[in-house]
Amino acid sequence: MPSLLLSNDLLLAQNVPPKAAPVPGVAQDSSPPSAGGGGSSGASPFAGLMPILMFLVIMVPFFLLTSRKQKKEAQARASLKKGDRVLTNAGLIGELVEMDDRVAKVKVAAGVTVQVVANTVSPFAEPEKAPAKALKEATSDKK
């Protein structure tokens, strides 16, 4: 019984004929043939820089916008004073009792004061309420 590993039907390797022996006295071309059918390659020296340039074009505006937003938030946080209504990143709305560089104390209910990281506090602006008449008209249109 022949071995399964040695049968040609089950081999996964490709049968490749050996290279032809070089002819003595004839120069052999060692470079692979070009896909263009001859001629120079034509690759630009800047082709390697294109991915880097594309990355910079996308990331530089992103970082500039992020830094502007952070500066604006820092200015709004610096303008807070005792008694202002504030909103934390956790969604708590309350009255600012005390604030230093690292910690802010926020009163969220009568007799309930929480300490939060100062960077998570921002001014809270009440949303403008729509007039009741406009609200009734909007809901009656849906029916």
N, C-alpha and C. Protein backbone atom coordinates (compact mmCIF):
# COMPACT_ATOMS: atom_id res chain seq x y z
N MET A 1 0.85 -1.17 0.00
CA MET A 1 0.00 0.00 0.00
C MET A 1 0.89 1.24 0.00
N PRO A 2 0.74 2.11 -0.99
CA PRO A 2 1.58 3.31 -1.05
C PRO A 2 1.17 4.31 0.04
N SER A 3 2.14 5.08 0.49
CA SER A 3 1.90 6.08 1.52
C SER A 3 1.11 7.25 0.94
N LEU A 4 0.17 7.78 1.73
CA LEU A 4 -0.65 8.91 1.27
C LEU A 4 0.17 10.18 1.14
N LEU A 5 1.21 10.32 1.93
CA LEU A 5 2.02 11.53 1.88
C LEU A 5 2.88 11.60 0.63
N LEU A 6 3.16 10.45 0.05
CA LEU A 6 4.04 10.44 -1.11
C LEU A 6 3.29 10.40 -2.43
N SER A 7 2.00 10.24 -2.40
CA SER A 7 1.27 10.17 -3.66
C SER A 7 1.20 11.57 -4.28
N ASN A 8 1.30 11.61 -5.58
CA ASN A 8 1.30 12.89 -6.31
C ASN A 8 -0.06 13.56 -6.28
N ASP A 9 -1.12 12.79 -6.08
CA ASP A 9 -2.45 13.37 -6.08
C ASP A 9 -2.71 14.23 -4.85
N LEU A 10 -2.07 13.93 -3.72
CA LEU A 10 -2.35 14.63 -2.49
C LEU A 10 -1.30 15.67 -2.13
N LEU A 11 -0.26 15.80 -2.93
CA LEU A 11 0.77 16.80 -2.62
C LEU A 11 0.22 18.20 -2.85
N LEU A 12 0.49 19.06 -1.92
CA LEU A 12 0.03 20.43 -2.05
C LEU A 12 1.08 21.33 -2.68
N ALA A 13 2.31 20.85 -2.78
CA ALA A 13 3.37 21.66 -3.37
C ALA A 13 3.24 21.64 -4.89
N GLN A 14 3.66 22.73 -5.50
CA GLN A 14 3.58 22.85 -6.94
C GLN A 14 4.82 22.23 -7.56
N ASN A 15 4.65 21.47 -8.61
CA ASN A 15 5.80 20.89 -9.32
C ASN A 15 6.43 21.96 -10.19
N VAL A 16 7.66 22.32 -9.92
CA VAL A 16 8.37 23.35 -10.67
C VAL A 16 9.60 22.71 -11.28
N PRO A 17 9.78 22.86 -12.58
CA PRO A 17 10.98 22.28 -13.20
C PRO A 17 12.22 23.05 -12.75
N PRO A 18 13.36 22.41 -12.70
CA PRO A 18 14.60 23.09 -12.29
C PRO A 18 14.99 24.13 -13.33
N LYS A 19 15.77 25.13 -12.88
CA LYS A 19 16.25 26.17 -13.79
C LYS A 19 17.20 25.56 -14.80
N ALA A 20 17.16 26.13 -15.99
CA ALA A 20 18.09 25.66 -17.03
C ALA A 20 19.49 26.10 -16.67
N ALA A 21 20.43 25.27 -16.95
CA ALA A 21 21.84 25.58 -16.66
C ALA A 21 22.28 26.71 -17.57
N PRO A 22 23.07 27.65 -17.05
CA PRO A 22 23.53 28.76 -17.90
C PRO A 22 24.49 28.26 -18.98
N VAL A 23 24.38 28.88 -20.12
CA VAL A 23 25.25 28.54 -21.24
C VAL A 23 26.56 29.27 -21.04
N PRO A 24 27.70 28.55 -21.06
CA PRO A 24 28.99 29.23 -20.85
C PRO A 24 29.26 30.25 -21.96
N GLY A 25 29.76 31.41 -21.54
CA GLY A 25 30.15 32.44 -22.49
C GLY A 25 29.03 33.37 -22.87
N VAL A 26 27.81 33.16 -22.35
CA VAL A 26 26.68 34.02 -22.68
C VAL A 26 26.28 34.77 -21.42
N ALA A 27 26.13 36.08 -21.52
CA ALA A 27 25.75 36.90 -20.37
C ALA A 27 24.27 36.67 -20.07
N GLN A 28 23.98 36.50 -18.78
CA GLN A 28 22.60 36.28 -18.35
C GLN A 28 22.06 37.56 -17.71
N ASP A 29 20.82 37.91 -18.00
CA ASP A 29 20.15 39.06 -17.39
C ASP A 29 19.56 38.62 -16.06
N SER A 30 20.05 39.20 -14.95
CA SER A 30 19.59 38.78 -13.63
C SER A 30 18.38 39.56 -13.15
N SER A 31 18.00 40.65 -13.85
CA SER A 31 16.85 41.43 -13.40
C SER A 31 15.56 40.80 -13.93
N PRO A 32 14.47 40.87 -13.13
CA PRO A 32 13.21 40.31 -13.61
C PRO A 32 12.65 41.16 -14.74
N PRO A 33 11.88 40.58 -15.61
CA PRO A 33 11.31 41.37 -16.71
C PRO A 33 10.30 42.38 -16.17
N SER A 34 10.30 43.57 -16.75
CA SER A 34 9.38 44.62 -16.27
C SER A 34 7.99 44.40 -16.85
N ALA A 35 6.98 44.83 -16.10
CA ALA A 35 5.60 44.64 -16.54
C ALA A 35 5.24 45.61 -17.66
N GLY A 36 5.97 46.70 -17.78
CA GLY A 36 5.66 47.72 -18.78
C GLY A 36 6.14 47.35 -20.17
N GLY A 37 6.86 46.25 -20.31
CA GLY A 37 7.33 45.86 -21.64
C GLY A 37 8.59 46.60 -22.02
N GLY A 38 9.46 46.91 -21.07
CA GLY A 38 10.71 47.58 -21.38
C GLY A 38 10.62 49.06 -21.06
N GLY A 39 11.73 49.72 -21.03
CA GLY A 39 11.75 51.14 -20.74
C GLY A 39 12.03 51.38 -19.27
N SER A 40 12.06 52.65 -18.85
CA SER A 40 12.36 52.98 -17.47
C SER A 40 11.12 52.80 -16.60
N SER A 41 11.34 52.68 -15.29
CA SER A 41 10.23 52.41 -14.38
C SER A 41 9.31 53.63 -14.23
N GLY A 42 9.83 54.84 -14.23
CA GLY A 42 9.01 56.04 -14.17
C GLY A 42 8.44 56.35 -12.80
N ALA A 43 8.93 55.69 -11.73
CA ALA A 43 8.43 55.96 -10.38
C ALA A 43 8.99 57.29 -9.89
N SER A 44 8.12 58.11 -9.35
CA SER A 44 8.51 59.41 -8.86
C SER A 44 9.18 59.27 -7.49
N PRO A 45 10.19 60.07 -7.21
CA PRO A 45 10.79 59.99 -5.87
C PRO A 45 9.85 60.47 -4.78
N PHE A 46 8.78 61.18 -5.15
CA PHE A 46 7.81 61.66 -4.17
C PHE A 46 6.69 60.66 -3.91
N ALA A 47 6.67 59.55 -4.63
CA ALA A 47 5.61 58.56 -4.46
C ALA A 47 5.62 57.98 -3.05
N GLY A 48 6.78 57.86 -2.44
CA GLY A 48 6.86 57.34 -1.07
C GLY A 48 6.38 58.35 -0.05
N LEU A 49 6.39 59.63 -0.40
CA LEU A 49 5.96 60.68 0.52
C LEU A 49 4.45 60.93 0.48
N MET A 50 3.78 60.42 -0.53
CA MET A 50 2.34 60.69 -0.67
C MET A 50 1.51 60.22 0.53
N PRO A 51 1.72 59.02 1.05
CA PRO A 51 0.91 58.63 2.22
C PRO A 51 1.16 59.55 3.42
N ILE A 52 2.38 59.98 3.61
CA ILE A 52 2.70 60.87 4.72
C ILE A 52 2.02 62.22 4.52
N LEU A 53 2.07 62.75 3.30
CA LEU A 53 1.43 64.02 3.01
C LEU A 53 -0.09 63.94 3.19
N MET A 54 -0.69 62.83 2.76
CA MET A 54 -2.14 62.67 2.92
C MET A 54 -2.49 62.60 4.41
N PHE A 55 -1.67 61.91 5.19
CA PHE A 55 -1.90 61.82 6.63
C PHE A 55 -1.85 63.20 7.26
N LEU A 56 -0.86 64.01 6.87
CA LEU A 56 -0.73 65.36 7.42
C LEU A 56 -1.90 66.26 7.02
N VAL A 57 -2.36 66.13 5.79
CA VAL A 57 -3.47 66.96 5.32
C VAL A 57 -4.73 66.67 6.13
N ILE A 58 -4.89 65.43 6.55
CA ILE A 58 -6.08 65.07 7.34
C ILE A 58 -5.89 65.42 8.81
N MET A 59 -4.73 65.15 9.38
CA MET A 59 -4.54 65.25 10.82
C MET A 59 -4.28 66.67 11.32
N VAL A 60 -3.62 67.50 10.56
CA VAL A 60 -3.30 68.85 11.02
C VAL A 60 -4.58 69.65 11.29
N PRO A 61 -5.55 69.69 10.37
CA PRO A 61 -6.79 70.41 10.71
C PRO A 61 -7.52 69.80 11.91
N PHE A 62 -7.47 68.49 12.03
CA PHE A 62 -8.11 67.83 13.17
C PHE A 62 -7.51 68.32 14.48
N PHE A 63 -6.18 68.36 14.56
CA PHE A 63 -5.54 68.81 15.80
C PHE A 63 -5.79 70.29 16.05
N LEU A 64 -5.83 71.10 15.00
CA LEU A 64 -6.10 72.53 15.18
C LEU A 64 -7.52 72.76 15.72
N LEU A 65 -8.49 72.05 15.16
CA LEU A 65 -9.87 72.19 15.63
C LEU A 65 -10.01 71.71 17.07
N THR A 66 -9.33 70.62 17.40
CA THR A 66 -9.39 70.09 18.76
C THR A 66 -8.79 71.07 19.75
N SER A 67 -7.65 71.67 19.41
CA SER A 67 -7.03 72.61 20.34
C SER A 67 -7.88 73.87 20.50
N ARG A 68 -8.53 74.32 19.43
CA ARG A 68 -9.42 75.49 19.54
C ARG A 68 -10.60 75.18 20.45
N LYS A 69 -11.16 73.98 20.31
CA LYS A 69 -12.29 73.60 21.14
C LYS A 69 -11.88 73.51 22.61
N GLN A 70 -10.70 72.97 22.88
CA GLN A 70 -10.21 72.87 24.26
C GLN A 70 -9.99 74.25 24.86
N LYS A 71 -9.44 75.18 24.08
CA LYS A 71 -9.22 76.54 24.57
C LYS A 71 -10.55 77.22 24.88
N LYS A 72 -11.55 77.03 24.02
CA LYS A 72 -12.85 77.63 24.23
C LYS A 72 -13.50 77.07 25.50
N GLU A 73 -13.40 75.75 25.71
CA GLU A 73 -13.95 75.14 26.92
C GLU A 73 -13.22 75.63 28.17
N ALA A 74 -11.90 75.79 28.08
CA ALA A 74 -11.13 76.28 29.23
C ALA A 74 -11.53 77.71 29.58
N GLN A 75 -11.76 78.54 28.57
CA GLN A 75 -12.20 79.91 28.83
C GLN A 75 -13.58 79.93 29.48
N ALA A 76 -14.48 79.09 29.00
CA ALA A 76 -15.83 79.03 29.59
C ALA A 76 -15.75 78.54 31.03
N ARG A 77 -14.88 77.58 31.29
CA ARG A 77 -14.72 77.05 32.65
C ARG A 77 -14.11 78.11 33.57
N ALA A 78 -13.18 78.90 33.04
CA ALA A 78 -12.54 79.94 33.85
C ALA A 78 -13.52 81.06 34.18
N SER A 79 -14.53 81.25 33.35
CA SER A 79 -15.50 82.33 33.60
C SER A 79 -16.58 81.92 34.61
N LEU A 80 -16.59 80.66 35.02
CA LEU A 80 -17.59 80.23 36.00
C LEU A 80 -17.33 80.87 37.36
N LYS A 81 -18.43 81.17 38.06
CA LYS A 81 -18.31 81.72 39.41
C LYS A 81 -19.33 81.03 40.31
N LYS A 82 -19.21 81.26 41.57
CA LYS A 82 -20.10 80.64 42.55
C LYS A 82 -21.54 81.01 42.25
N GLY A 83 -22.42 80.01 42.26
CA GLY A 83 -23.84 80.25 42.02
C GLY A 83 -24.27 79.99 40.59
N ASP A 84 -23.34 79.79 39.65
CA ASP A 84 -23.70 79.52 38.25
C ASP A 84 -24.27 78.11 38.12
N ARG A 85 -25.21 77.98 37.16
CA ARG A 85 -25.70 76.63 36.86
C ARG A 85 -24.69 75.95 35.96
N VAL A 86 -24.34 74.70 36.31
CA VAL A 86 -23.32 73.97 35.57
C VAL A 86 -23.84 72.59 35.18
N LEU A 87 -23.19 72.01 34.19
CA LEU A 87 -23.48 70.67 33.71
C LEU A 87 -22.19 69.87 33.75
N THR A 88 -22.21 68.67 34.32
CA THR A 88 -21.03 67.81 34.33
C THR A 88 -21.09 66.88 33.13
N ASN A 89 -19.96 66.27 32.82
CA ASN A 89 -19.93 65.31 31.72
C ASN A 89 -20.81 64.10 32.02
N ALA A 90 -21.06 63.83 33.29
CA ALA A 90 -21.92 62.71 33.68
C ALA A 90 -23.40 63.05 33.51
N GLY A 91 -23.71 64.31 33.24
CA GLY A 91 -25.09 64.71 33.02
C GLY A 91 -25.76 65.33 34.23
N LEU A 92 -25.02 65.56 35.29
CA LEU A 92 -25.60 66.21 36.47
C LEU A 92 -25.70 67.71 36.23
N ILE A 93 -26.84 68.26 36.56
CA ILE A 93 -27.05 69.70 36.46
C ILE A 93 -27.20 70.22 37.88
N GLY A 94 -26.46 71.27 38.19
CA GLY A 94 -26.54 71.81 39.53
C GLY A 94 -25.98 73.21 39.61
N GLU A 95 -25.79 73.65 40.84
CA GLU A 95 -25.28 74.99 41.12
C GLU A 95 -23.85 74.87 41.62
N LEU A 96 -22.97 75.66 41.07
CA LEU A 96 -21.56 75.63 41.47
C LEU A 96 -21.42 76.25 42.86
N VAL A 97 -20.85 75.48 43.79
CA VAL A 97 -20.65 75.95 45.15
C VAL A 97 -19.22 76.45 45.32
N GLU A 98 -18.27 75.68 44.82
CA GLU A 98 -16.86 76.02 44.98
C GLU A 98 -16.08 75.35 43.86
N MET A 99 -15.01 76.00 43.41
CA MET A 99 -14.21 75.41 42.33
C MET A 99 -12.77 75.85 42.47
N ASP A 100 -11.85 74.88 42.39
CA ASP A 100 -10.43 75.22 42.32
C ASP A 100 -9.86 74.58 41.06
N ASP A 101 -8.54 74.45 40.98
CA ASP A 101 -7.91 73.94 39.76
C ASP A 101 -8.29 72.49 39.45
N ARG A 102 -8.50 71.68 40.47
CA ARG A 102 -8.72 70.25 40.24
C ARG A 102 -10.12 69.76 40.58
N VAL A 103 -10.75 70.34 41.58
CA VAL A 103 -12.04 69.82 42.08
C VAL A 103 -13.08 70.93 42.09
N ALA A 104 -14.31 70.56 41.71
CA ALA A 104 -15.44 71.49 41.78
C ALA A 104 -16.52 70.85 42.65
N LYS A 105 -17.15 71.65 43.49
CA LYS A 105 -18.26 71.18 44.31
C LYS A 105 -19.54 71.72 43.70
N VAL A 106 -20.46 70.79 43.42
CA VAL A 106 -21.70 71.15 42.74
C VAL A 106 -22.87 70.70 43.60
N LYS A 107 -23.79 71.63 43.85
CA LYS A 107 -25.00 71.32 44.61
C LYS A 107 -26.06 70.84 43.61
N VAL A 108 -26.46 69.56 43.73
CA VAL A 108 -27.41 68.99 42.78
C VAL A 108 -28.83 68.94 43.33
N ALA A 109 -28.97 69.02 44.65
CA ALA A 109 -30.29 69.05 45.29
C ALA A 109 -30.13 69.70 46.66
N ALA A 110 -31.22 69.95 47.32
CA ALA A 110 -31.16 70.57 48.64
C ALA A 110 -30.41 69.65 49.60
N GLY A 111 -29.29 70.13 50.10
CA GLY A 111 -28.49 69.36 51.04
C GLY A 111 -27.59 68.32 50.39
N VAL A 112 -27.53 68.25 49.05
CA VAL A 112 -26.69 67.26 48.36
C VAL A 112 -25.65 68.00 47.53
N THR A 113 -24.40 67.87 47.94
CA THR A 113 -23.29 68.49 47.21
C THR A 113 -22.33 67.38 46.79
N VAL A 114 -21.96 67.38 45.53
CA VAL A 114 -21.03 66.37 45.02
C VAL A 114 -19.74 67.05 44.59
N GLN A 115 -18.67 66.30 44.70
CA GLN A 115 -17.37 66.77 44.22
C GLN A 115 -17.10 66.09 42.89
N VAL A 116 -16.73 66.88 41.90
CA VAL A 116 -16.41 66.35 40.58
C VAL A 116 -15.08 66.95 40.13
N VAL A 117 -14.46 66.31 39.17
CA VAL A 117 -13.23 66.85 38.60
C VAL A 117 -13.58 68.14 37.86
N ALA A 118 -12.78 69.17 38.08
CA ALA A 118 -13.10 70.49 37.53
C ALA A 118 -13.16 70.50 36.01
N ASN A 119 -12.39 69.65 35.34
CA ASN A 119 -12.39 69.63 33.88
C ASN A 119 -13.69 69.09 33.30
N THR A 120 -14.52 68.45 34.13
CA THR A 120 -15.77 67.88 33.62
C THR A 120 -16.94 68.84 33.76
N VAL A 121 -16.71 70.02 34.29
CA VAL A 121 -17.79 70.97 34.52
C VAL A 121 -17.80 72.00 33.39
N SER A 122 -19.01 72.31 32.91
CA SER A 122 -19.16 73.36 31.90
C SER A 122 -20.41 74.16 32.21
N PRO A 123 -20.49 75.38 31.71
CA PRO A 123 -21.69 76.19 31.96
C PRO A 123 -22.91 75.53 31.35
N PHE A 124 -24.05 75.64 32.05
CA PHE A 124 -25.29 75.07 31.54
C PHE A 124 -26.19 76.19 31.08
N ALA A 125 -26.60 76.11 29.84
CA ALA A 125 -27.52 77.11 29.29
C ALA A 125 -28.89 76.44 29.15
N GLU A 126 -29.89 77.08 29.69
CA GLU A 126 -31.26 76.55 29.60
C GLU A 126 -31.69 76.56 28.14
N PRO A 127 -32.28 75.47 27.66
CA PRO A 127 -32.79 75.49 26.29
C PRO A 127 -34.00 76.40 26.20
N GLU A 128 -34.13 77.07 25.07
CA GLU A 128 -35.26 77.98 24.89
C GLU A 128 -36.52 77.15 24.70
N LYS A 129 -37.56 77.53 25.39
CA LYS A 129 -38.82 76.80 25.30
C LYS A 129 -39.65 77.36 24.15
N ALA A 130 -40.25 76.43 23.39
CA ALA A 130 -41.11 76.83 22.28
C ALA A 130 -42.44 77.32 22.86
N PRO A 131 -43.05 78.30 22.23
CA PRO A 131 -44.37 78.75 22.69
C PRO A 131 -45.37 77.59 22.66
N ALA A 132 -46.29 77.59 23.60
CA ALA A 132 -47.27 76.51 23.71
C ALA A 132 -48.12 76.40 22.45
N LYS A 133 -48.46 77.54 21.83
CA LYS A 133 -49.30 77.52 20.63
C LYS A 133 -48.58 76.80 19.49
N ALA A 134 -47.29 77.06 19.30
CA ALA A 134 -46.53 76.41 18.24
C ALA A 134 -46.40 74.92 18.52
N LEU A 135 -46.28 74.55 19.79
CA LEU A 135 -46.16 73.15 20.15
C LEU A 135 -47.47 72.41 19.84
N LYS A 136 -48.63 73.04 20.12
CA LYS A 136 -49.92 72.41 19.84
C LYS A 136 -50.12 72.23 18.34
N GLU A 137 -49.71 73.23 17.55
CA GLU A 137 -49.83 73.13 16.10
C GLU A 137 -48.96 72.03 15.55
N ALA A 138 -47.75 71.85 16.08
CA ALA A 138 -46.84 70.82 15.60
C ALA A 138 -47.39 69.44 15.90
N THR A 139 -48.00 69.25 17.05
CA THR A 139 -48.53 67.94 17.41
C THR A 139 -49.84 67.65 16.68
N SER A 140 -50.61 68.67 16.35
CA SER A 140 -51.88 68.44 15.63
C SER A 140 -51.63 68.09 14.16
N ASP A 141 -50.50 68.50 13.60
CA ASP A 141 -50.17 68.18 12.21
C ASP A 141 -49.88 66.69 12.03
N LYS A 142 -49.41 66.03 13.07
CA LYS A 142 -49.05 64.62 12.96
C LYS A 142 -50.28 63.72 12.87
N LYS A 143 -51.43 64.17 13.33
CA LYS A 143 -52.63 63.32 13.37
C LYS A 143 -53.33 63.26 12.06
